[in-house]
N, C-alpha and C. Protein backbone atom coordinates (compact mmCIF):
# COMPACT_ATOMS: atom_id res chain seq x y z
N UNK A 1 -1.75 7.38 -16.59
CA UNK A 1 -1.29 6.80 -15.35
C UNK A 1 -1.56 7.79 -14.22
N UNK A 2 -2.05 7.27 -13.13
CA UNK A 2 -2.40 8.13 -11.99
C UNK A 2 -1.22 8.23 -11.02
N UNK A 3 -0.98 9.42 -10.52
CA UNK A 3 0.04 9.62 -9.50
C UNK A 3 -0.65 9.56 -8.14
N UNK A 4 -0.13 8.72 -7.26
CA UNK A 4 -0.68 8.60 -5.90
C UNK A 4 0.36 9.10 -4.91
N UNK A 5 -0.11 9.92 -3.99
CA UNK A 5 0.76 10.44 -2.94
C UNK A 5 0.51 9.63 -1.66
N UNK A 6 1.55 9.44 -0.88
CA UNK A 6 1.39 8.64 0.33
C UNK A 6 0.76 9.43 1.47
N UNK A 7 0.11 10.53 1.14
CA UNK A 7 -0.76 11.24 2.08
C UNK A 7 -2.21 10.80 1.84
N UNK A 8 -2.41 9.97 0.82
CA UNK A 8 -3.72 9.38 0.48
C UNK A 8 -4.81 10.44 0.32
N UNK A 9 -4.46 11.53 -0.36
CA UNK A 9 -5.40 12.63 -0.57
C UNK A 9 -6.61 12.22 -1.41
N UNK A 10 -6.44 11.17 -2.24
CA UNK A 10 -7.56 10.74 -3.09
C UNK A 10 -8.71 10.13 -2.28
N UNK A 11 -8.45 9.77 -1.03
CA UNK A 11 -9.51 9.25 -0.16
C UNK A 11 -10.28 10.45 0.40
N UNK A 12 -11.24 10.93 -0.35
CA UNK A 12 -11.99 12.14 0.00
C UNK A 12 -12.83 11.98 1.27
N UNK A 13 -13.10 10.74 1.66
CA UNK A 13 -13.90 10.49 2.87
C UNK A 13 -13.12 10.81 4.14
N UNK A 14 -11.78 10.91 4.05
CA UNK A 14 -10.98 11.20 5.24
C UNK A 14 -10.98 12.71 5.48
N UNK A 15 -11.57 13.11 6.58
CA UNK A 15 -11.67 14.54 6.93
C UNK A 15 -10.44 14.99 7.71
N UNK A 16 -9.96 14.12 8.61
CA UNK A 16 -8.83 14.48 9.46
C UNK A 16 -7.95 13.26 9.68
N UNK A 17 -6.61 13.50 9.60
CA UNK A 17 -5.65 12.40 9.78
C UNK A 17 -4.33 12.97 10.25
N UNK A 18 -3.59 12.15 10.97
CA UNK A 18 -2.21 12.48 11.32
C UNK A 18 -1.32 11.67 10.40
N UNK A 19 -0.29 12.32 9.86
CA UNK A 19 0.63 11.66 8.93
C UNK A 19 2.05 11.78 9.48
N UNK A 20 2.75 10.65 9.46
CA UNK A 20 4.16 10.65 9.85
C UNK A 20 4.89 9.69 8.92
N UNK A 21 6.05 10.09 8.43
CA UNK A 21 6.81 9.20 7.59
C UNK A 21 8.28 9.58 7.53
N UNK A 22 9.11 8.62 7.19
CA UNK A 22 10.55 8.82 7.11
C UNK A 22 11.13 7.93 6.01
N UNK A 23 12.20 8.43 5.43
CA UNK A 23 13.00 7.60 4.55
C UNK A 23 14.03 6.91 5.44
N UNK A 24 14.15 5.59 5.27
CA UNK A 24 15.05 4.81 6.12
C UNK A 24 15.99 3.97 5.25
N UNK A 25 17.12 3.64 5.83
CA UNK A 25 18.06 2.74 5.18
C UNK A 25 18.51 1.75 6.25
N UNK A 26 17.75 0.67 6.38
CA UNK A 26 18.02 -0.34 7.39
C UNK A 26 18.09 -1.71 6.72
N UNK A 27 18.48 -2.69 7.49
CA UNK A 27 18.50 -4.07 6.99
C UNK A 27 17.09 -4.50 6.58
N UNK A 28 16.08 -4.03 7.32
CA UNK A 28 14.69 -4.39 7.06
C UNK A 28 14.13 -3.70 5.83
N UNK A 29 14.45 -2.41 5.68
CA UNK A 29 13.86 -1.63 4.59
C UNK A 29 14.78 -0.49 4.18
N UNK A 30 14.99 -0.37 2.89
CA UNK A 30 15.65 0.79 2.33
C UNK A 30 14.58 1.48 1.48
N UNK A 31 14.02 2.57 2.01
CA UNK A 31 12.94 3.24 1.32
C UNK A 31 12.16 4.11 2.29
N UNK A 32 10.89 4.32 1.96
CA UNK A 32 10.03 5.17 2.77
C UNK A 32 9.08 4.30 3.59
N UNK A 33 8.88 4.71 4.83
CA UNK A 33 7.89 4.07 5.69
C UNK A 33 7.04 5.18 6.29
N UNK A 34 5.73 5.00 6.24
CA UNK A 34 4.84 6.05 6.73
C UNK A 34 3.67 5.46 7.48
N UNK A 35 3.04 6.32 8.28
CA UNK A 35 1.88 5.90 9.05
C UNK A 35 0.83 6.99 9.01
N UNK A 36 -0.38 6.60 8.68
CA UNK A 36 -1.52 7.51 8.71
C UNK A 36 -2.44 7.02 9.82
N UNK A 37 -2.79 7.94 10.70
CA UNK A 37 -3.73 7.66 11.78
C UNK A 37 -5.00 8.43 11.44
N UNK A 38 -6.05 7.72 11.10
CA UNK A 38 -7.29 8.36 10.66
C UNK A 38 -8.06 8.85 11.87
N UNK A 39 -8.34 10.15 11.89
CA UNK A 39 -9.02 10.79 13.03
C UNK A 39 -10.52 10.98 12.81
N UNK A 40 -10.92 11.30 11.57
CA UNK A 40 -12.34 11.55 11.30
C UNK A 40 -12.63 11.27 9.83
N UNK A 41 -13.77 10.64 9.57
CA UNK A 41 -14.19 10.37 8.20
C UNK A 41 -15.61 10.89 7.96
N UNK A 42 -15.91 11.22 6.72
CA UNK A 42 -17.27 11.64 6.37
C UNK A 42 -18.14 10.42 6.12
N UNK A 43 -17.51 9.33 5.67
CA UNK A 43 -18.24 8.10 5.41
C UNK A 43 -17.30 6.92 5.62
N UNK A 44 -17.76 5.95 6.39
CA UNK A 44 -16.98 4.73 6.64
C UNK A 44 -16.87 3.94 5.34
N UNK A 45 -15.67 3.43 5.04
CA UNK A 45 -15.45 2.62 3.84
C UNK A 45 -15.30 1.16 4.25
N UNK A 46 -16.12 0.31 3.63
CA UNK A 46 -16.15 -1.10 3.96
C UNK A 46 -15.92 -1.92 2.69
N UNK A 47 -15.05 -2.92 2.79
CA UNK A 47 -14.82 -3.85 1.68
C UNK A 47 -15.33 -5.21 2.11
N UNK A 48 -15.82 -6.00 1.16
CA UNK A 48 -16.32 -7.35 1.44
C UNK A 48 -15.25 -8.39 1.11
N UNK A 49 -15.15 -9.38 1.97
CA UNK A 49 -14.26 -10.50 1.72
C UNK A 49 -14.86 -11.74 2.37
N UNK A 50 -15.04 -12.79 1.59
CA UNK A 50 -15.63 -14.05 2.08
C UNK A 50 -16.94 -13.80 2.83
N UNK A 51 -17.76 -12.91 2.30
CA UNK A 51 -19.05 -12.62 2.91
C UNK A 51 -18.97 -11.78 4.17
N UNK A 52 -17.78 -11.31 4.48
CA UNK A 52 -17.57 -10.52 5.70
C UNK A 52 -17.27 -9.08 5.33
N UNK A 53 -17.79 -8.14 6.13
CA UNK A 53 -17.49 -6.73 5.93
C UNK A 53 -16.21 -6.37 6.68
N UNK A 54 -15.27 -5.73 5.97
CA UNK A 54 -14.04 -5.28 6.59
C UNK A 54 -14.00 -3.76 6.48
N UNK A 55 -14.01 -3.08 7.62
CA UNK A 55 -13.96 -1.62 7.63
C UNK A 55 -12.50 -1.21 7.46
N UNK A 56 -12.18 -0.63 6.30
CA UNK A 56 -10.80 -0.25 6.00
C UNK A 56 -10.52 1.22 6.29
N UNK A 57 -11.58 2.03 6.32
CA UNK A 57 -11.38 3.47 6.54
C UNK A 57 -12.43 3.98 7.51
N UNK A 58 -11.98 4.30 8.72
CA UNK A 58 -12.85 4.83 9.76
C UNK A 58 -11.96 5.45 10.83
N UNK A 59 -12.57 6.20 11.71
CA UNK A 59 -11.84 6.79 12.83
C UNK A 59 -11.13 5.67 13.61
N UNK A 60 -9.85 5.88 13.89
CA UNK A 60 -9.08 4.89 14.65
C UNK A 60 -8.29 3.92 13.79
N UNK A 61 -8.62 3.83 12.50
CA UNK A 61 -7.86 2.95 11.61
C UNK A 61 -6.49 3.57 11.35
N UNK A 62 -5.51 2.70 11.09
CA UNK A 62 -4.16 3.14 10.78
C UNK A 62 -3.75 2.48 9.47
N UNK A 63 -3.03 3.25 8.65
CA UNK A 63 -2.49 2.71 7.41
C UNK A 63 -0.99 2.86 7.43
N UNK A 64 -0.31 1.74 7.32
CA UNK A 64 1.15 1.70 7.26
C UNK A 64 1.56 1.61 5.80
N UNK A 65 2.39 2.56 5.35
CA UNK A 65 2.91 2.56 3.97
C UNK A 65 4.34 2.07 3.97
N UNK A 66 4.64 1.17 3.05
CA UNK A 66 6.00 0.65 2.88
C UNK A 66 6.33 0.77 1.39
N UNK A 67 7.28 1.67 1.09
CA UNK A 67 7.66 1.93 -0.29
C UNK A 67 9.16 1.68 -0.45
N UNK A 68 9.54 0.44 -0.83
CA UNK A 68 10.96 0.15 -1.00
C UNK A 68 11.56 0.99 -2.12
N UNK A 69 12.74 1.54 -1.87
CA UNK A 69 13.44 2.32 -2.89
C UNK A 69 13.90 1.38 -4.00
N UNK A 70 13.90 1.88 -5.22
CA UNK A 70 14.37 1.11 -6.37
C UNK A 70 13.61 -0.19 -6.58
N UNK A 71 12.31 -0.18 -6.28
CA UNK A 71 11.48 -1.35 -6.57
C UNK A 71 10.17 -0.85 -7.17
N UNK A 72 9.29 -1.78 -7.48
CA UNK A 72 8.14 -1.46 -8.33
C UNK A 72 6.81 -1.77 -7.65
N UNK A 73 6.74 -1.59 -6.33
CA UNK A 73 5.50 -1.80 -5.60
C UNK A 73 5.47 -0.92 -4.36
N UNK A 74 4.24 -0.71 -3.85
CA UNK A 74 4.04 0.00 -2.59
C UNK A 74 3.00 -0.76 -1.79
N UNK A 75 3.32 -1.07 -0.55
CA UNK A 75 2.42 -1.82 0.35
C UNK A 75 1.71 -0.83 1.26
N UNK A 76 0.39 -1.01 1.38
CA UNK A 76 -0.37 -0.30 2.41
C UNK A 76 -1.01 -1.37 3.29
N UNK A 77 -0.62 -1.40 4.55
CA UNK A 77 -1.22 -2.33 5.52
C UNK A 77 -2.32 -1.55 6.23
N UNK A 78 -3.55 -1.99 6.08
CA UNK A 78 -4.69 -1.33 6.71
C UNK A 78 -4.98 -2.05 8.03
N UNK A 79 -4.89 -1.29 9.13
CA UNK A 79 -4.99 -1.88 10.46
C UNK A 79 -6.17 -1.32 11.24
N UNK A 80 -6.66 -2.12 12.18
CA UNK A 80 -7.74 -1.65 13.04
C UNK A 80 -7.17 -0.84 14.21
N UNK A 81 -8.05 -0.41 15.10
CA UNK A 81 -7.62 0.44 16.22
C UNK A 81 -6.72 -0.31 17.21
N UNK A 82 -6.68 -1.64 17.12
CA UNK A 82 -5.80 -2.45 17.97
C UNK A 82 -4.50 -2.83 17.26
N UNK A 83 -4.25 -2.18 16.13
CA UNK A 83 -3.03 -2.38 15.35
C UNK A 83 -2.94 -3.76 14.71
N UNK A 84 -4.09 -4.40 14.52
CA UNK A 84 -4.15 -5.70 13.85
C UNK A 84 -4.38 -5.44 12.35
N UNK A 85 -3.58 -6.08 11.50
CA UNK A 85 -3.73 -5.90 10.06
C UNK A 85 -5.03 -6.55 9.59
N UNK A 86 -5.84 -5.75 8.91
CA UNK A 86 -7.09 -6.23 8.33
C UNK A 86 -6.84 -6.77 6.93
N UNK A 87 -5.97 -6.07 6.18
CA UNK A 87 -5.58 -6.49 4.84
C UNK A 87 -4.41 -5.63 4.38
N UNK A 88 -3.76 -6.09 3.33
CA UNK A 88 -2.70 -5.33 2.67
C UNK A 88 -3.18 -5.02 1.27
N UNK A 89 -2.91 -3.81 0.83
CA UNK A 89 -3.21 -3.41 -0.54
C UNK A 89 -1.87 -3.06 -1.16
N UNK A 90 -1.50 -3.77 -2.22
CA UNK A 90 -0.18 -3.59 -2.82
C UNK A 90 -0.34 -3.09 -4.25
N UNK A 91 0.15 -1.88 -4.49
CA UNK A 91 0.11 -1.28 -5.81
C UNK A 91 1.36 -1.64 -6.58
N UNK A 92 1.22 -2.02 -7.85
CA UNK A 92 2.36 -2.16 -8.75
C UNK A 92 2.59 -0.76 -9.31
N UNK A 93 3.85 -0.34 -9.36
CA UNK A 93 4.15 1.05 -9.71
C UNK A 93 5.20 1.15 -10.83
N UNK A 94 5.18 2.30 -11.52
CA UNK A 94 6.12 2.53 -12.61
C UNK A 94 7.28 3.40 -12.17
N UNK A 95 7.04 4.27 -11.20
CA UNK A 95 8.04 5.25 -10.80
C UNK A 95 7.68 5.74 -9.41
N UNK A 96 8.67 6.22 -8.68
CA UNK A 96 8.42 6.82 -7.37
C UNK A 96 9.32 8.02 -7.18
N UNK A 97 8.92 8.87 -6.25
CA UNK A 97 9.73 10.06 -5.98
C UNK A 97 9.17 10.80 -4.77
N UNK A 98 9.65 12.02 -4.58
CA UNK A 98 9.18 12.84 -3.47
C UNK A 98 8.76 14.19 -4.05
N UNK A 99 7.52 14.60 -3.77
CA UNK A 99 7.00 15.89 -4.23
C UNK A 99 7.74 17.04 -3.56
N UNK A 100 7.54 18.25 -4.09
CA UNK A 100 8.21 19.43 -3.55
C UNK A 100 7.85 19.68 -2.08
N UNK A 101 6.65 19.20 -1.66
CA UNK A 101 6.26 19.38 -0.26
C UNK A 101 6.76 18.25 0.64
N UNK A 102 7.60 17.36 0.10
CA UNK A 102 8.20 16.30 0.91
C UNK A 102 7.39 15.02 1.00
N UNK A 103 6.23 14.96 0.34
CA UNK A 103 5.39 13.76 0.40
C UNK A 103 5.79 12.81 -0.73
N UNK A 104 6.13 11.55 -0.38
CA UNK A 104 6.45 10.57 -1.41
C UNK A 104 5.24 10.28 -2.29
N UNK A 105 5.54 9.91 -3.54
CA UNK A 105 4.48 9.56 -4.48
C UNK A 105 4.94 8.37 -5.31
N UNK A 106 3.98 7.77 -6.02
CA UNK A 106 4.31 6.76 -7.02
C UNK A 106 3.34 6.89 -8.17
N UNK A 107 3.80 6.47 -9.36
CA UNK A 107 2.94 6.41 -10.52
C UNK A 107 2.38 4.99 -10.59
N UNK A 108 1.07 4.90 -10.45
CA UNK A 108 0.34 3.65 -10.29
C UNK A 108 0.21 2.92 -11.63
N UNK A 109 0.60 1.65 -11.65
CA UNK A 109 0.46 0.83 -12.84
C UNK A 109 -0.83 0.01 -12.85
N UNK A 110 -1.85 0.47 -12.16
CA UNK A 110 -3.20 -0.11 -12.20
C UNK A 110 -3.34 -1.44 -11.48
N UNK A 111 -2.43 -2.37 -11.70
CA UNK A 111 -2.54 -3.71 -11.13
C UNK A 111 -2.26 -3.68 -9.63
N UNK A 112 -3.10 -4.35 -8.86
CA UNK A 112 -2.96 -4.39 -7.40
C UNK A 112 -3.10 -5.81 -6.90
N UNK A 113 -2.55 -6.04 -5.73
CA UNK A 113 -2.77 -7.29 -5.00
C UNK A 113 -3.42 -6.93 -3.68
N UNK A 114 -4.51 -7.63 -3.36
CA UNK A 114 -5.14 -7.47 -2.06
C UNK A 114 -4.85 -8.77 -1.31
N UNK A 115 -4.19 -8.62 -0.15
CA UNK A 115 -3.74 -9.79 0.61
C UNK A 115 -4.44 -9.78 1.96
N UNK A 116 -4.99 -10.92 2.33
CA UNK A 116 -5.70 -11.05 3.60
C UNK A 116 -4.86 -11.87 4.58
N UNK A 117 -5.07 -11.66 5.89
CA UNK A 117 -4.27 -12.36 6.90
C UNK A 117 -4.33 -13.89 6.83
N UNK A 118 -5.35 -14.45 6.16
CA UNK A 118 -5.40 -15.91 6.03
C UNK A 118 -4.55 -16.40 4.85
N UNK A 119 -3.89 -15.45 4.15
CA UNK A 119 -3.02 -15.82 3.04
C UNK A 119 -3.66 -15.69 1.67
N UNK A 120 -4.95 -15.44 1.62
CA UNK A 120 -5.63 -15.25 0.34
C UNK A 120 -5.08 -14.02 -0.37
N UNK A 121 -4.78 -14.19 -1.65
CA UNK A 121 -4.30 -13.09 -2.48
C UNK A 121 -5.27 -12.91 -3.63
N UNK A 122 -5.76 -11.71 -3.79
CA UNK A 122 -6.65 -11.39 -4.90
C UNK A 122 -5.92 -10.43 -5.84
N UNK A 123 -5.81 -10.82 -7.10
CA UNK A 123 -5.23 -9.94 -8.12
C UNK A 123 -6.36 -9.03 -8.57
N UNK A 124 -6.15 -7.72 -8.39
CA UNK A 124 -7.21 -6.74 -8.63
C UNK A 124 -6.83 -5.79 -9.77
N UNK A 125 -7.80 -5.41 -10.53
CA UNK A 125 -7.68 -4.40 -11.58
C UNK A 125 -6.84 -4.83 -12.78
N UNK A 126 -6.79 -6.14 -13.05
CA UNK A 126 -6.12 -6.61 -14.26
C UNK A 126 -6.78 -6.01 -15.49
N UNK A 127 -8.11 -5.85 -15.42
CA UNK A 127 -8.84 -5.25 -16.54
C UNK A 127 -8.38 -3.81 -16.80
N UNK A 128 -8.12 -3.07 -15.72
CA UNK A 128 -7.64 -1.69 -15.88
C UNK A 128 -6.24 -1.66 -16.49
N UNK A 129 -5.40 -2.61 -16.10
CA UNK A 129 -4.05 -2.69 -16.66
C UNK A 129 -4.12 -2.98 -18.16
N UNK A 130 -4.95 -3.95 -18.54
CA UNK A 130 -5.10 -4.31 -19.95
C UNK A 130 -5.68 -3.15 -20.76
N UNK A 131 -6.67 -2.45 -20.19
CA UNK A 131 -7.27 -1.31 -20.86
C UNK A 131 -6.25 -0.18 -21.04
N UNK A 132 -5.44 0.07 -20.03
CA UNK A 132 -4.41 1.11 -20.11
C UNK A 132 -3.42 0.80 -21.24
N UNK A 133 -3.09 -0.49 -21.40
CA UNK A 133 -2.19 -0.88 -22.49
C UNK A 133 -2.87 -0.68 -23.84
N UNK A 134 -4.12 -1.11 -23.95
CA UNK A 134 -4.81 -0.99 -25.24
C UNK A 134 -5.03 0.48 -25.63
N UNK A 135 -5.19 1.35 -24.64
CA UNK A 135 -5.36 2.78 -24.92
C UNK A 135 -4.02 3.51 -25.03
N UNK A 136 -2.94 2.75 -24.86
CA UNK A 136 -1.58 3.30 -24.91
C UNK A 136 -1.30 4.33 -23.80
N UNK A 137 -2.00 4.16 -22.66
CA UNK A 137 -1.72 4.98 -21.47
C UNK A 137 -0.42 4.50 -20.82
N UNK A 138 -0.11 3.22 -21.06
CA UNK A 138 1.15 2.64 -20.59
C UNK A 138 1.80 1.91 -21.75
N UNK A 139 3.09 1.67 -21.63
CA UNK A 139 3.83 0.95 -22.67
C UNK A 139 3.75 -0.56 -22.40
N UNK A 140 4.15 -1.34 -23.39
CA UNK A 140 4.23 -2.80 -23.21
C UNK A 140 5.21 -3.13 -22.09
N UNK A 141 6.30 -2.36 -21.99
CA UNK A 141 7.30 -2.59 -20.93
C UNK A 141 6.70 -2.35 -19.56
N UNK A 142 5.89 -1.31 -19.41
CA UNK A 142 5.24 -1.03 -18.12
C UNK A 142 4.21 -2.12 -17.79
N UNK A 143 3.48 -2.57 -18.79
CA UNK A 143 2.53 -3.67 -18.60
C UNK A 143 3.28 -4.90 -18.08
N UNK A 144 4.39 -5.24 -18.77
CA UNK A 144 5.20 -6.40 -18.38
C UNK A 144 5.76 -6.22 -16.97
N UNK A 145 6.19 -5.01 -16.63
CA UNK A 145 6.73 -4.73 -15.30
C UNK A 145 5.69 -5.00 -14.22
N UNK A 146 4.45 -4.56 -14.45
CA UNK A 146 3.38 -4.78 -13.47
C UNK A 146 3.12 -6.28 -13.27
N UNK A 147 3.04 -7.02 -14.35
CA UNK A 147 2.80 -8.47 -14.28
C UNK A 147 3.97 -9.17 -13.57
N UNK A 148 5.17 -8.83 -13.99
CA UNK A 148 6.37 -9.46 -13.42
C UNK A 148 6.49 -9.16 -11.91
N UNK A 149 6.24 -7.91 -11.53
CA UNK A 149 6.32 -7.54 -10.11
C UNK A 149 5.27 -8.28 -9.29
N UNK A 150 4.05 -8.36 -9.82
CA UNK A 150 2.97 -9.08 -9.14
C UNK A 150 3.35 -10.55 -8.92
N UNK A 151 3.87 -11.19 -9.97
CA UNK A 151 4.27 -12.60 -9.85
C UNK A 151 5.42 -12.77 -8.86
N UNK A 152 6.41 -11.84 -8.92
CA UNK A 152 7.56 -11.92 -8.01
C UNK A 152 7.11 -11.82 -6.55
N UNK A 153 6.17 -10.91 -6.27
CA UNK A 153 5.66 -10.75 -4.91
C UNK A 153 4.91 -12.00 -4.46
N UNK A 154 4.06 -12.53 -5.35
CA UNK A 154 3.28 -13.71 -4.98
C UNK A 154 4.15 -14.94 -4.76
N UNK A 155 5.22 -15.06 -5.52
CA UNK A 155 6.13 -16.20 -5.38
C UNK A 155 7.18 -15.97 -4.30
N UNK A 156 7.33 -14.71 -3.87
CA UNK A 156 8.35 -14.36 -2.88
C UNK A 156 7.76 -14.02 -1.53
N UNK A 157 7.75 -12.73 -1.21
CA UNK A 157 7.38 -12.30 0.15
C UNK A 157 5.96 -12.67 0.56
N UNK A 158 5.05 -12.86 -0.40
CA UNK A 158 3.66 -13.18 -0.05
C UNK A 158 3.41 -14.69 0.04
N UNK A 159 4.39 -15.46 -0.32
CA UNK A 159 4.23 -16.93 -0.33
C UNK A 159 3.97 -17.47 1.09
N UNK A 160 4.61 -16.84 2.07
CA UNK A 160 4.44 -17.27 3.47
C UNK A 160 3.81 -16.11 4.24
N UNK A 161 2.51 -16.19 4.47
CA UNK A 161 1.79 -15.07 5.08
C UNK A 161 2.29 -14.79 6.50
N UNK A 162 2.75 -15.80 7.21
CA UNK A 162 3.27 -15.58 8.58
C UNK A 162 4.51 -14.69 8.55
N UNK A 163 5.43 -14.93 7.59
CA UNK A 163 6.61 -14.06 7.50
C UNK A 163 6.23 -12.67 7.04
N UNK A 164 5.21 -12.57 6.18
CA UNK A 164 4.77 -11.25 5.71
C UNK A 164 4.14 -10.46 6.87
N UNK A 165 3.39 -11.15 7.71
CA UNK A 165 2.81 -10.52 8.90
C UNK A 165 3.94 -10.03 9.81
N UNK A 166 4.97 -10.86 9.98
CA UNK A 166 6.11 -10.50 10.83
C UNK A 166 6.88 -9.30 10.24
N UNK A 167 7.07 -9.29 8.94
CA UNK A 167 7.72 -8.16 8.26
C UNK A 167 6.93 -6.87 8.51
N UNK A 168 5.62 -6.96 8.37
CA UNK A 168 4.75 -5.79 8.59
C UNK A 168 4.85 -5.32 10.04
N UNK A 169 4.86 -6.27 10.98
CA UNK A 169 4.97 -5.92 12.40
C UNK A 169 6.28 -5.18 12.68
N UNK A 170 7.37 -5.67 12.09
CA UNK A 170 8.67 -5.03 12.30
C UNK A 170 8.69 -3.63 11.69
N UNK A 171 8.09 -3.46 10.53
CA UNK A 171 8.01 -2.13 9.91
C UNK A 171 7.17 -1.19 10.78
N UNK A 172 6.08 -1.72 11.33
CA UNK A 172 5.22 -0.90 12.19
C UNK A 172 5.98 -0.49 13.46
N UNK A 173 6.71 -1.42 14.05
CA UNK A 173 7.51 -1.10 15.24
C UNK A 173 8.57 -0.04 14.91
N UNK A 174 9.16 -0.14 13.71
CA UNK A 174 10.17 0.83 13.30
C UNK A 174 9.56 2.24 13.20
N UNK A 175 8.40 2.37 12.58
CA UNK A 175 7.81 3.70 12.42
C UNK A 175 7.36 4.26 13.78
N UNK A 176 6.90 3.39 14.66
CA UNK A 176 6.51 3.85 16.00
C UNK A 176 7.73 4.38 16.77
N UNK A 177 8.88 3.70 16.62
CA UNK A 177 10.12 4.15 17.26
C UNK A 177 10.58 5.49 16.67
N UNK A 178 10.48 5.61 15.37
CA UNK A 178 10.88 6.85 14.69
C UNK A 178 9.99 8.03 15.13
N UNK A 179 8.72 7.75 15.38
CA UNK A 179 7.78 8.80 15.82
C UNK A 179 8.18 9.35 17.19
N UNK A 180 8.75 8.49 18.03
CA UNK A 180 9.10 8.89 19.40
C UNK A 180 10.32 9.81 19.44
N UNK A 181 11.12 9.79 18.38
CA UNK A 181 12.37 10.58 18.35
C UNK A 181 12.10 12.05 18.16
């Protein structure tokens, strides 16, 4: 199982970035909320969707991280320079915590949901989840947790993309307010 830090260090193409994050306990979110402002990249990262190129990693892009405490997923909203969400990448996770340097992390359960503003949801890396189970990198319980969390999200908060967009906007406004303090 891979440990991912919310500083997104695994994205080697990012040369320079500003990182800001806080643990919050509000009606909207009890957990960690963070914002990465990408300043410089060595190579632009583009994903394809419906025949269209979506630049997810480039100078000016912002990534909003939403990691609810005591839950099994982490949302990354990838936004353009005008703060418009291009897509959401949602990791199913086994565990979360905070490293000694204060950066939150999660243990990735392989399965992801890629959500687009038109409401399309793509279940990604199911093959990696199944392979991890067959290689005993994860337990049957962790496999079940990833599947159950994915279904719960799809039947719950992702069912209405307009409310999910609104939730993301409120989280973004919250982190912007916290930055000003």
